[in-house]
């Protein structure tokens, strides 16, 4: 499938991370993943925003949890429990030149943020199964999508709108929103997998203990679990997907943006069909 044959699907061609399906062919050793301009969260920004965790010592710092002293399987279990209990969280990818996400979401699958691929950033809003996806205007100047714009000139500047059930592409592009659901990280139980614990390190300004996961099905993973405050998973590497996810802002207030007016939307299925038939 070439880029000119699809608009939306390309936005999620970043790999398979925590059960979220994409179609990327990234490169590297799994320590980096997508990141176009504008949507990657910089370390300084993350340190400023914080984790949203209110557990702290009297000195104003998060109290040590002692989780690093546990066996690897118990560390992973506590990290999974903390993540799945968080009412909201922010997920982004590490720096790269291919693609990236920066999304804030809640437990019901609502989310909003940016998805960047091949240098083009798009705005994503999801409310339940309803999805709005708006590529930046520069995207429509690309010769690869000229045929689509010829059929639907009104698409420029509008949100492609539909449901995850009816639009395959919208289902793919919004799949990352499921990471905020109650069972979004449930697969990281470690059952039937070889687990090893590493030395405490610092991830985006947060002290964390790495748990290396070797799975016959999902390949090699590393989950970094915070050692201060609640033991949230703050970073997840997948060598198979060649992607790194960064997680933060746990439990911070999040209000889903208003639904774009009907006049600012266009049927995503029509655009999808046009993108598959133009050469």
Protein backbone atom coordinates (compact mmCIF):
# COMPACT_ATOMS: atom_id res chain seq x y z
CA UNK A 1 0.00 0.00 0.00
CA UNK A 2 1.57 3.29 -1.03
CA UNK A 3 1.11 6.57 0.76
CA UNK A 4 -0.88 8.13 -2.06
CA UNK A 5 -3.47 5.36 -1.76
CA UNK A 6 -4.51 6.22 1.77
CA UNK A 7 -4.68 9.30 3.92
CA UNK A 8 -5.71 8.13 7.33
CA UNK A 9 -4.04 4.75 7.57
CA UNK A 10 -0.60 6.31 7.15
CA UNK A 11 -1.06 8.21 10.38
CA UNK A 12 -0.82 5.04 12.42
CA UNK A 13 1.92 3.23 10.51
CA UNK A 14 4.09 3.20 13.59
CA UNK A 15 4.05 -0.42 14.73
CA UNK A 16 2.37 -2.57 17.35
CA UNK A 17 2.57 -1.17 20.87
CA UNK A 18 0.70 -2.59 23.85
CA UNK A 19 -1.84 -4.28 21.63
CA UNK A 20 -2.39 -1.27 19.35
CA UNK A 21 -2.04 -2.26 15.70
CA UNK A 22 -0.22 -0.14 13.15
CA UNK A 23 1.68 -0.86 9.96
CA UNK A 24 5.06 0.78 10.33
CA UNK A 25 8.44 -0.45 9.21
CA UNK A 26 10.48 1.78 11.50
CA UNK A 27 14.17 1.33 11.98
CA UNK A 28 16.52 1.22 14.90
CA UNK A 29 16.69 -1.02 17.97
CA UNK A 30 13.40 -0.20 19.61
CA UNK A 31 14.76 2.69 21.62
CA UNK A 32 13.13 5.29 19.41
CA UNK A 33 9.98 5.71 17.41
CA UNK A 34 7.95 8.21 15.47
CA UNK A 35 8.22 11.90 15.99
CA UNK A 36 7.42 14.55 13.48
CA UNK A 37 7.47 18.25 14.11
CA UNK A 38 5.26 19.65 16.82
CA UNK A 39 3.76 16.62 18.54
CA UNK A 40 6.68 15.04 20.37
CA UNK A 41 6.84 15.94 24.04
CA UNK A 42 10.21 17.33 25.04
CA UNK A 43 11.80 16.33 28.33
CA UNK A 44 11.65 19.89 29.68
CA UNK A 45 7.94 20.07 28.98
CA UNK A 46 7.31 16.74 30.70
CA UNK A 47 9.25 17.69 33.80
CA UNK A 48 7.28 20.91 33.99
CA UNK A 49 3.92 19.21 33.54
CA UNK A 50 4.62 16.50 36.10
CA UNK A 51 2.91 13.17 36.52
CA UNK A 52 -0.25 14.37 38.21
CA UNK A 53 0.46 12.03 41.14
CA UNK A 54 -0.39 13.73 44.43
CA UNK A 55 1.39 11.27 46.72
CA UNK A 56 4.41 13.06 48.19
CA UNK A 57 6.51 13.44 51.29
CA UNK A 58 6.35 16.37 53.70
CA UNK A 59 9.23 17.96 51.81
CA UNK A 60 7.06 18.21 48.71
CA UNK A 61 8.74 15.36 46.87
CA UNK A 62 7.12 12.06 46.04
CA UNK A 63 7.79 9.45 48.67
CA UNK A 64 9.90 6.43 47.65
CA UNK A 65 7.69 3.40 47.08
CA UNK A 66 10.35 0.71 47.46
CA UNK A 67 8.97 -1.02 44.38
CA UNK A 68 12.48 -1.54 43.01
CA UNK A 69 13.11 -4.06 45.79
CA UNK A 70 10.38 -6.40 44.56
CA UNK A 71 10.73 -9.26 42.06
CA UNK A 72 10.34 -8.25 38.41
CA UNK A 73 6.87 -9.84 38.10
CA UNK A 74 5.57 -7.95 41.15
CA UNK A 75 7.02 -4.67 39.89
CA UNK A 76 5.24 -5.11 36.58
CA UNK A 77 2.00 -6.03 38.33
CA UNK A 78 2.12 -2.89 40.46
CA UNK A 79 2.91 -0.76 37.42
CA UNK A 80 0.01 -2.25 35.48
CA UNK A 81 -2.34 -1.74 38.42
CA UNK A 82 -1.31 1.91 38.80
CA UNK A 83 -1.77 2.64 35.09
CA UNK A 84 -5.15 0.95 34.80
CA UNK A 85 -6.43 2.81 37.86
CA UNK A 86 -5.42 6.24 36.54
CA UNK A 87 -8.47 8.28 35.49
CA UNK A 88 -6.46 10.08 32.80
CA UNK A 89 -3.02 9.94 31.25
CA UNK A 90 -0.91 11.41 28.48
CA UNK A 91 0.85 9.22 25.93
CA UNK A 92 3.48 10.36 23.46
CA UNK A 93 6.29 8.85 21.45
CA UNK A 94 10.00 9.52 21.68
CA UNK A 95 11.90 11.60 19.15
CA UNK A 96 12.21 10.34 15.59
CA UNK A 97 11.68 11.62 12.07
CA UNK A 98 8.98 9.17 11.00
CA UNK A 99 5.79 9.58 13.00
CA UNK A 100 4.59 10.44 16.47
CA UNK A 101 1.62 10.82 18.76
CA UNK A 102 0.86 13.15 21.66
CA UNK A 103 -2.54 12.29 23.13
CA UNK A 104 -4.33 12.85 26.42
CA UNK A 105 -7.05 10.33 27.25
CA UNK A 106 -9.36 8.97 29.92
CA UNK A 107 -10.58 5.55 31.01
CA UNK A 108 -13.58 5.55 28.67
CA UNK A 109 -11.54 5.94 25.48
CA UNK A 110 -12.08 9.67 25.02
CA UNK A 111 -8.94 11.45 23.90
CA UNK A 112 -7.50 14.42 22.05
CA UNK A 113 -4.15 15.50 20.71
CA UNK A 114 -1.93 15.25 17.66
CA UNK A 115 -0.77 12.49 15.34
CA UNK A 116 2.17 13.27 13.09
CA UNK A 117 3.35 11.22 10.14
CA UNK A 118 5.80 11.95 7.31
CA UNK A 119 6.08 15.55 8.50
CA UNK A 120 2.35 16.25 8.56
CA UNK A 121 0.56 16.86 11.87
CA UNK A 122 -3.11 16.06 12.33
CA UNK A 123 -5.55 16.89 15.11
CA UNK A 124 -7.40 13.94 16.65
CA UNK A 125 -10.51 14.02 18.82
CA UNK A 126 -12.34 10.92 19.97
CA UNK A 127 -15.54 10.73 22.02
CA UNK A 128 -16.67 7.17 22.54
CA UNK A 129 -16.74 5.62 19.07
CA UNK A 130 -17.00 8.99 17.29
CA UNK A 131 -13.76 10.27 15.79
CA UNK A 132 -12.68 13.58 14.20
CA UNK A 133 -9.35 13.71 12.37
CA UNK A 134 -8.02 16.91 10.76
CA UNK A 135 -4.78 16.95 8.73
CA UNK A 136 -2.92 20.23 8.59
CA UNK A 137 -3.54 22.34 5.48
CA UNK A 138 -0.03 21.65 4.13
CA UNK A 139 -0.97 17.99 3.75
CA UNK A 140 -3.40 18.80 0.96
CA UNK A 141 -0.63 20.49 -1.05
CA UNK A 142 1.12 17.15 -1.42
CA UNK A 143 0.83 15.82 -4.99
CA UNK A 144 0.17 12.35 -3.59
CA UNK A 145 -3.34 13.35 -2.49
CA UNK A 146 -4.20 15.58 -5.42
CA UNK A 147 -6.70 13.05 -6.73
CA UNK A 148 -8.63 13.01 -3.47
CA UNK A 149 -8.77 16.78 -3.29
CA UNK A 150 -9.99 16.88 -6.89
CA UNK A 151 -12.96 14.74 -5.92
CA UNK A 152 -13.56 16.48 -2.60
CA UNK A 153 -12.09 20.02 -2.71
CA UNK A 154 -14.09 20.85 0.41
CA UNK A 155 -11.97 18.42 2.44
CA UNK A 156 -9.17 20.96 2.92
CA UNK A 157 -9.32 22.46 6.38
CA UNK A 158 -12.02 20.11 7.63
CA UNK A 159 -12.19 17.24 10.08
CA UNK A 160 -12.72 13.79 8.62
CA UNK A 161 -15.52 12.47 10.78
CA UNK A 162 -17.08 9.09 11.41
CA UNK A 163 -17.12 6.17 13.80
CA UNK A 164 -14.44 3.67 14.64
CA UNK A 165 -16.89 0.94 13.67
CA UNK A 166 -17.61 2.14 10.13
CA UNK A 167 -14.25 3.66 9.22
CA UNK A 168 -11.28 1.31 9.30
CA UNK A 169 -8.85 4.20 9.09
CA UNK A 170 -10.47 6.14 11.93
CA UNK A 171 -10.43 2.97 14.00
CA UNK A 172 -6.70 2.66 13.40
CA UNK A 173 -5.81 6.28 13.99
CA UNK A 174 -7.78 6.38 17.25
CA UNK A 175 -6.59 2.99 18.52
CA UNK A 176 -4.01 4.62 20.77
CA UNK A 177 -6.91 6.12 22.74
CA UNK A 178 -7.54 2.63 24.09
CA UNK A 179 -4.33 2.87 26.11
CA UNK A 180 -6.25 4.99 28.60
CA UNK A 181 -9.02 2.42 29.04
CA UNK A 182 -9.29 0.25 32.12
CA UNK A 183 -7.70 -2.71 30.34
CA UNK A 184 -5.34 -0.77 28.08
CA UNK A 185 -2.23 -2.16 29.77
CA UNK A 186 -3.74 -5.42 30.94
CA UNK A 187 -1.56 -7.46 28.56
CA UNK A 188 1.53 -6.42 30.53
CA UNK A 189 0.82 -9.03 33.20
CA UNK A 190 3.99 -10.92 32.45
CA UNK A 191 2.15 -14.25 32.39
CA UNK A 192 4.07 -16.82 30.36
CA UNK A 193 6.87 -14.34 29.73
CA UNK A 194 10.46 -14.18 30.89
CA UNK A 195 10.97 -11.13 33.12
CA UNK A 196 14.19 -9.60 34.40
CA UNK A 197 14.74 -6.52 36.53
CA UNK A 198 17.28 -3.83 35.72
CA UNK A 199 18.96 -1.09 37.72
CA UNK A 200 17.07 2.07 38.67
CA UNK A 201 17.50 4.79 36.07
CA UNK A 202 15.98 8.18 35.23
CA UNK A 203 13.29 8.47 32.58
CA UNK A 204 12.18 11.97 31.57
CA UNK A 205 13.19 13.25 35.01
CA UNK A 206 11.46 10.39 36.85
CA UNK A 207 13.32 7.65 38.74
CA UNK A 208 12.19 4.27 37.46
CA UNK A 209 13.14 0.61 37.54
CA UNK A 210 13.12 -1.22 34.19
CA UNK A 211 11.45 -4.59 33.78
CA UNK A 212 12.62 -6.41 30.67
CA UNK A 213 9.94 -8.63 29.14
CA UNK A 214 10.73 -11.41 26.67
CA UNK A 215 7.60 -12.74 25.00
CA UNK A 216 7.41 -15.29 22.21
CA UNK A 217 4.32 -13.52 20.89
CA UNK A 218 5.14 -9.85 21.39
CA UNK A 219 8.92 -9.86 21.28
CA UNK A 220 11.14 -7.99 23.71
CA UNK A 221 9.70 -5.18 25.84
CA UNK A 222 10.95 -2.94 28.58
CA UNK A 223 8.53 -1.29 30.99
CA UNK A 224 9.92 1.44 33.26
CA UNK A 225 8.08 1.68 36.60
CA UNK A 226 8.34 4.80 38.77
CA UNK A 227 10.04 4.25 42.14
CA UNK A 228 8.66 7.39 43.79
CA UNK A 229 4.99 8.13 44.37
CA UNK A 230 2.60 5.69 42.73
CA UNK A 231 4.45 3.07 40.67
CA UNK A 232 3.16 4.17 37.27
CA UNK A 233 4.68 2.79 34.09
CA UNK A 234 6.32 5.94 32.72
CA UNK A 235 7.94 4.48 29.62
CA UNK A 236 7.45 1.40 27.45
CA UNK A 237 9.87 0.21 24.77
CA UNK A 238 8.99 -2.37 22.14
CA UNK A 239 11.75 -3.74 19.95
CA UNK A 240 9.27 -5.58 17.75
CA UNK A 241 7.29 -2.41 17.06
CA UNK A 242 10.46 -0.29 17.15
CA UNK A 243 8.64 2.24 19.30
CA UNK A 244 8.99 4.00 22.64
CA UNK A 245 5.95 5.32 24.47
CA UNK A 246 6.24 7.96 27.19
CA UNK A 247 3.46 8.23 29.78
CA UNK A 248 2.70 11.08 32.15
CA UNK A 249 0.03 13.42 33.59
CA UNK A 250 -1.69 10.58 35.44
CA UNK A 251 -4.99 11.69 36.94
CA UNK A 252 -4.66 15.27 35.73
CA UNK A 253 -7.92 17.02 34.76
CA UNK A 254 -8.84 16.41 31.13
CA UNK A 255 -11.81 17.81 29.26
CA UNK A 256 -12.46 16.47 25.79
CA UNK A 257 -12.62 19.38 23.28
CA UNK A 258 -16.07 20.27 21.89
CA UNK A 259 -17.25 18.31 18.88
CA UNK A 260 -16.42 20.24 15.68
CA UNK A 261 -19.53 21.74 14.02
CA UNK A 262 -21.05 19.75 11.15
CA UNK A 263 -19.96 22.47 8.73
CA UNK A 264 -16.33 21.80 9.63
CA UNK A 265 -16.48 18.07 8.97
CA UNK A 266 -16.55 15.70 6.01
CA UNK A 267 -17.48 12.02 5.86
CA UNK A 268 -14.31 10.03 6.53
CA UNK A 269 -15.59 6.96 4.68
CA UNK A 270 -15.97 8.97 1.45
CA UNK A 271 -12.44 10.32 1.76
CA UNK A 272 -11.20 6.84 2.58
CA UNK A 273 -12.78 5.39 -0.52
CA UNK A 274 -11.46 8.19 -2.70
CA UNK A 275 -7.94 7.75 -1.37
CA UNK A 276 -8.03 4.06 -2.26
CA UNK A 277 -9.18 4.61 -5.83
CA UNK A 278 -7.05 7.57 -6.93
CA UNK A 279 -3.75 6.83 -8.55
